[in-house]
């Protein structure tokens, strides 16, 4: 019986590690982009304003991904 359950536990555990790693990568990218946006918004000039808009476009999918992961994690904890 143990030989059939062990591979399933390994798959679930490795999936959790991959998910946690992906969430950490998204969080790190989100943090870096938010810092860059603040720096770019403090600089005057046309190029800085364009950079700020480009970073806005990059932040939206990351915010959605992080929010989804956070909600799914909370749902998983509550179940």
N, C-alpha and C. Protein backbone atom coordinates (compact mmCIF):
# COMPACT_ATOMS: atom_id res chain seq x y z
N UNK A 1 0.82 -1.19 0.00
CA UNK A 1 0.00 0.00 0.00
C UNK A 1 0.86 1.25 0.00
N UNK A 2 1.96 1.25 0.74
CA UNK A 2 2.83 2.42 0.80
C UNK A 2 3.46 2.73 -0.55
N UNK A 3 3.72 1.71 -1.35
CA UNK A 3 4.39 1.95 -2.63
C UNK A 3 3.49 2.68 -3.62
N UNK A 4 2.17 2.58 -3.47
CA UNK A 4 1.29 3.31 -4.38
C UNK A 4 1.00 4.72 -3.91
N UNK A 5 1.12 4.97 -2.63
CA UNK A 5 0.83 6.30 -2.09
C UNK A 5 2.05 7.21 -2.19
N UNK A 6 3.23 6.67 -2.06
CA UNK A 6 4.46 7.48 -2.06
C UNK A 6 4.62 8.34 -3.32
N UNK A 7 4.43 7.78 -4.53
CA UNK A 7 4.58 8.65 -5.72
C UNK A 7 3.55 9.79 -5.76
N UNK A 8 2.36 9.54 -5.26
CA UNK A 8 1.33 10.58 -5.24
C UNK A 8 1.75 11.70 -4.29
N UNK A 9 2.27 11.34 -3.14
CA UNK A 9 2.73 12.34 -2.17
C UNK A 9 3.89 13.13 -2.75
N UNK A 10 4.80 12.47 -3.47
CA UNK A 10 5.93 13.17 -4.09
C UNK A 10 5.44 14.18 -5.13
N UNK A 11 4.45 13.79 -5.93
CA UNK A 11 3.93 14.69 -6.96
C UNK A 11 3.26 15.89 -6.32
N UNK A 12 2.47 15.67 -5.30
CA UNK A 12 1.79 16.77 -4.62
C UNK A 12 2.80 17.70 -3.97
N UNK A 13 3.81 17.14 -3.33
CA UNK A 13 4.83 17.95 -2.67
C UNK A 13 5.63 18.76 -3.68
N UNK A 14 6.04 18.15 -4.79
CA UNK A 14 6.81 18.88 -5.79
C UNK A 14 5.95 19.94 -6.45
N UNK A 15 4.66 19.70 -6.61
CA UNK A 15 3.76 20.71 -7.16
C UNK A 15 3.64 21.90 -6.24
N UNK A 16 3.61 21.64 -4.94
CA UNK A 16 3.54 22.73 -3.97
C UNK A 16 4.82 23.56 -3.99
N UNK A 17 5.95 22.90 -4.17
CA UNK A 17 7.22 23.63 -4.23
C UNK A 17 7.27 24.50 -5.49
N UNK A 18 6.83 23.97 -6.61
CA UNK A 18 6.82 24.74 -7.86
C UNK A 18 5.88 25.93 -7.73
N UNK A 19 4.71 25.72 -7.15
CA UNK A 19 3.76 26.81 -6.97
C UNK A 19 4.32 27.88 -6.05
N UNK A 20 4.92 27.48 -4.95
CA UNK A 20 5.51 28.44 -4.03
C UNK A 20 6.63 29.23 -4.70
N UNK A 21 7.45 28.55 -5.48
CA UNK A 21 8.54 29.22 -6.19
C UNK A 21 7.99 30.22 -7.19
N UNK A 22 6.94 29.84 -7.92
CA UNK A 22 6.34 30.75 -8.90
C UNK A 22 5.77 31.98 -8.23
N UNK A 23 5.11 31.79 -7.10
CA UNK A 23 4.55 32.93 -6.37
C UNK A 23 5.66 33.85 -5.87
N UNK A 24 6.76 33.29 -5.41
CA UNK A 24 7.88 34.12 -4.94
C UNK A 24 8.51 34.89 -6.09
N UNK A 25 8.61 34.27 -7.26
CA UNK A 25 9.17 34.96 -8.43
C UNK A 25 8.26 36.11 -8.84
N UNK A 26 6.94 35.87 -8.86
CA UNK A 26 5.99 36.93 -9.20
C UNK A 26 6.07 38.06 -8.18
N UNK A 27 6.14 37.72 -6.91
CA UNK A 27 6.22 38.73 -5.86
C UNK A 27 7.50 39.56 -5.98
N UNK A 28 8.61 38.92 -6.26
CA UNK A 28 9.87 39.63 -6.43
C UNK A 28 9.82 40.56 -7.65
N UNK A 29 9.29 40.06 -8.77
CA UNK A 29 9.17 40.90 -9.96
C UNK A 29 8.24 42.07 -9.71
N UNK A 30 7.16 41.82 -8.98
CA UNK A 30 6.21 42.88 -8.64
C UNK A 30 6.88 43.95 -7.79
N UNK A 31 7.64 43.53 -6.82
CA UNK A 31 8.34 44.47 -5.94
C UNK A 31 9.36 45.30 -6.72
N UNK A 32 10.13 44.66 -7.56
CA UNK A 32 11.15 45.37 -8.35
C UNK A 32 10.50 46.38 -9.28
N UNK A 33 9.42 45.96 -9.97
CA UNK A 33 8.76 46.89 -10.89
C UNK A 33 8.11 48.06 -10.16
N UNK A 34 7.56 47.81 -8.99
CA UNK A 34 6.96 48.91 -8.23
C UNK A 34 8.02 49.93 -7.78
N UNK A 35 9.18 49.44 -7.40
CA UNK A 35 10.27 50.34 -7.02
C UNK A 35 10.74 51.14 -8.23
N UNK A 36 10.87 50.47 -9.38
CA UNK A 36 11.30 51.17 -10.59
C UNK A 36 10.27 52.22 -11.01
N UNK A 37 8.99 51.90 -10.84
CA UNK A 37 7.95 52.86 -11.19
C UNK A 37 8.04 54.10 -10.30
N UNK A 38 8.27 53.91 -9.02
CA UNK A 38 8.40 55.05 -8.12
C UNK A 38 9.60 55.91 -8.49
N UNK A 39 10.69 55.27 -8.85
CA UNK A 39 11.88 56.02 -9.26
C UNK A 39 11.61 56.78 -10.55
N UNK A 40 10.96 56.11 -11.51
CA UNK A 40 10.67 56.75 -12.79
C UNK A 40 9.67 57.89 -12.65
N UNK A 41 8.73 57.75 -11.72
CA UNK A 41 7.74 58.83 -11.56
C UNK A 41 8.35 60.05 -10.89
N UNK A 42 9.45 59.90 -10.20
CA UNK A 42 10.12 61.02 -9.56
C UNK A 42 11.02 61.80 -10.50
N UNK A 43 11.33 61.23 -11.64
CA UNK A 43 12.21 61.88 -12.61
C UNK A 43 11.35 62.62 -13.64
N UNK A 44 11.75 63.82 -13.96
CA UNK A 44 11.03 64.58 -14.97
C UNK A 44 11.59 64.25 -16.35
N UNK A 45 10.74 64.34 -17.34
CA UNK A 45 11.18 64.11 -18.70
C UNK A 45 10.24 63.17 -19.43
N UNK A 46 10.31 63.23 -20.74
CA UNK A 46 9.43 62.43 -21.58
C UNK A 46 9.75 60.94 -21.47
N UNK A 47 11.01 60.61 -21.45
CA UNK A 47 11.41 59.20 -21.38
C UNK A 47 10.99 58.56 -20.06
N UNK A 48 11.09 59.30 -18.98
CA UNK A 48 10.69 58.77 -17.68
C UNK A 48 9.19 58.53 -17.63
N UNK A 49 8.40 59.41 -18.23
CA UNK A 49 6.95 59.21 -18.28
C UNK A 49 6.59 57.99 -19.12
N UNK A 50 7.29 57.80 -20.23
CA UNK A 50 7.05 56.61 -21.05
C UNK A 50 7.41 55.34 -20.28
N UNK A 51 8.52 55.36 -19.58
CA UNK A 51 8.94 54.22 -18.78
C UNK A 51 7.91 53.91 -17.70
N UNK A 52 7.37 54.94 -17.09
CA UNK A 52 6.35 54.75 -16.06
C UNK A 52 5.10 54.08 -16.64
N UNK A 53 4.71 54.47 -17.84
CA UNK A 53 3.55 53.84 -18.49
C UNK A 53 3.83 52.39 -18.87
N UNK A 54 5.03 52.12 -19.34
CA UNK A 54 5.39 50.75 -19.70
C UNK A 54 5.38 49.86 -18.46
N UNK A 55 5.88 50.37 -17.37
CA UNK A 55 5.89 49.60 -16.12
C UNK A 55 4.46 49.36 -15.64
N UNK A 56 3.57 50.33 -15.84
CA UNK A 56 2.16 50.11 -15.50
C UNK A 56 1.59 48.91 -16.25
N UNK A 57 1.92 48.80 -17.52
CA UNK A 57 1.43 47.69 -18.33
C UNK A 57 2.01 46.37 -17.82
N UNK A 58 3.23 46.36 -17.37
CA UNK A 58 3.84 45.14 -16.85
C UNK A 58 3.31 44.77 -15.47
N UNK A 59 2.90 45.77 -14.69
CA UNK A 59 2.43 45.51 -13.33
C UNK A 59 1.05 44.85 -13.30
N UNK A 60 0.19 45.18 -14.22
CA UNK A 60 -1.19 44.67 -14.19
C UNK A 60 -1.25 43.14 -14.21
N UNK A 61 -0.59 42.45 -15.16
CA UNK A 61 -0.65 40.97 -15.13
C UNK A 61 -0.01 40.37 -13.88
N UNK A 62 1.05 41.00 -13.38
CA UNK A 62 1.68 40.50 -12.17
C UNK A 62 0.76 40.66 -10.96
N UNK A 63 0.05 41.77 -10.88
CA UNK A 63 -0.90 41.97 -9.79
C UNK A 63 -2.03 40.95 -9.86
N UNK A 64 -2.50 40.67 -11.07
CA UNK A 64 -3.55 39.67 -11.23
C UNK A 64 -3.04 38.29 -10.82
N UNK A 65 -1.84 37.94 -11.25
CA UNK A 65 -1.27 36.62 -10.90
C UNK A 65 -1.07 36.49 -9.40
N UNK A 66 -0.54 37.53 -8.77
CA UNK A 66 -0.31 37.47 -7.33
C UNK A 66 -1.63 37.42 -6.56
N UNK A 67 -2.59 38.22 -6.98
CA UNK A 67 -3.90 38.21 -6.31
C UNK A 67 -4.58 36.85 -6.43
N UNK A 68 -4.51 36.26 -7.61
CA UNK A 68 -5.10 34.94 -7.82
C UNK A 68 -4.42 33.90 -6.94
N UNK A 69 -3.11 33.94 -6.90
CA UNK A 69 -2.37 32.97 -6.07
C UNK A 69 -2.69 33.16 -4.59
N UNK A 70 -2.81 34.41 -4.16
CA UNK A 70 -3.13 34.68 -2.76
C UNK A 70 -4.53 34.18 -2.40
N UNK A 71 -5.49 34.43 -3.27
CA UNK A 71 -6.86 33.98 -3.02
C UNK A 71 -6.93 32.45 -3.00
N UNK A 72 -6.27 31.81 -3.94
CA UNK A 72 -6.27 30.35 -3.98
C UNK A 72 -5.60 29.76 -2.74
N UNK A 73 -4.54 30.41 -2.28
CA UNK A 73 -3.85 29.94 -1.08
C UNK A 73 -4.74 30.08 0.15
N UNK A 74 -5.46 31.19 0.25
CA UNK A 74 -6.37 31.39 1.37
C UNK A 74 -7.51 30.38 1.33
N UNK A 75 -8.04 30.13 0.14
CA UNK A 75 -9.10 29.11 0.01
C UNK A 75 -8.58 27.75 0.41
N UNK A 76 -7.35 27.44 0.01
CA UNK A 76 -6.75 26.15 0.36
C UNK A 76 -6.57 26.03 1.87
N UNK A 77 -6.18 27.10 2.54
CA UNK A 77 -6.00 27.08 3.98
C UNK A 77 -7.35 26.89 4.69
N UNK A 78 -8.38 27.56 4.18
CA UNK A 78 -9.68 27.48 4.82
C UNK A 78 -10.35 26.11 4.65
N UNK A 79 -9.96 25.40 3.61
CA UNK A 79 -10.56 24.05 3.40
C UNK A 79 -9.85 23.03 4.15
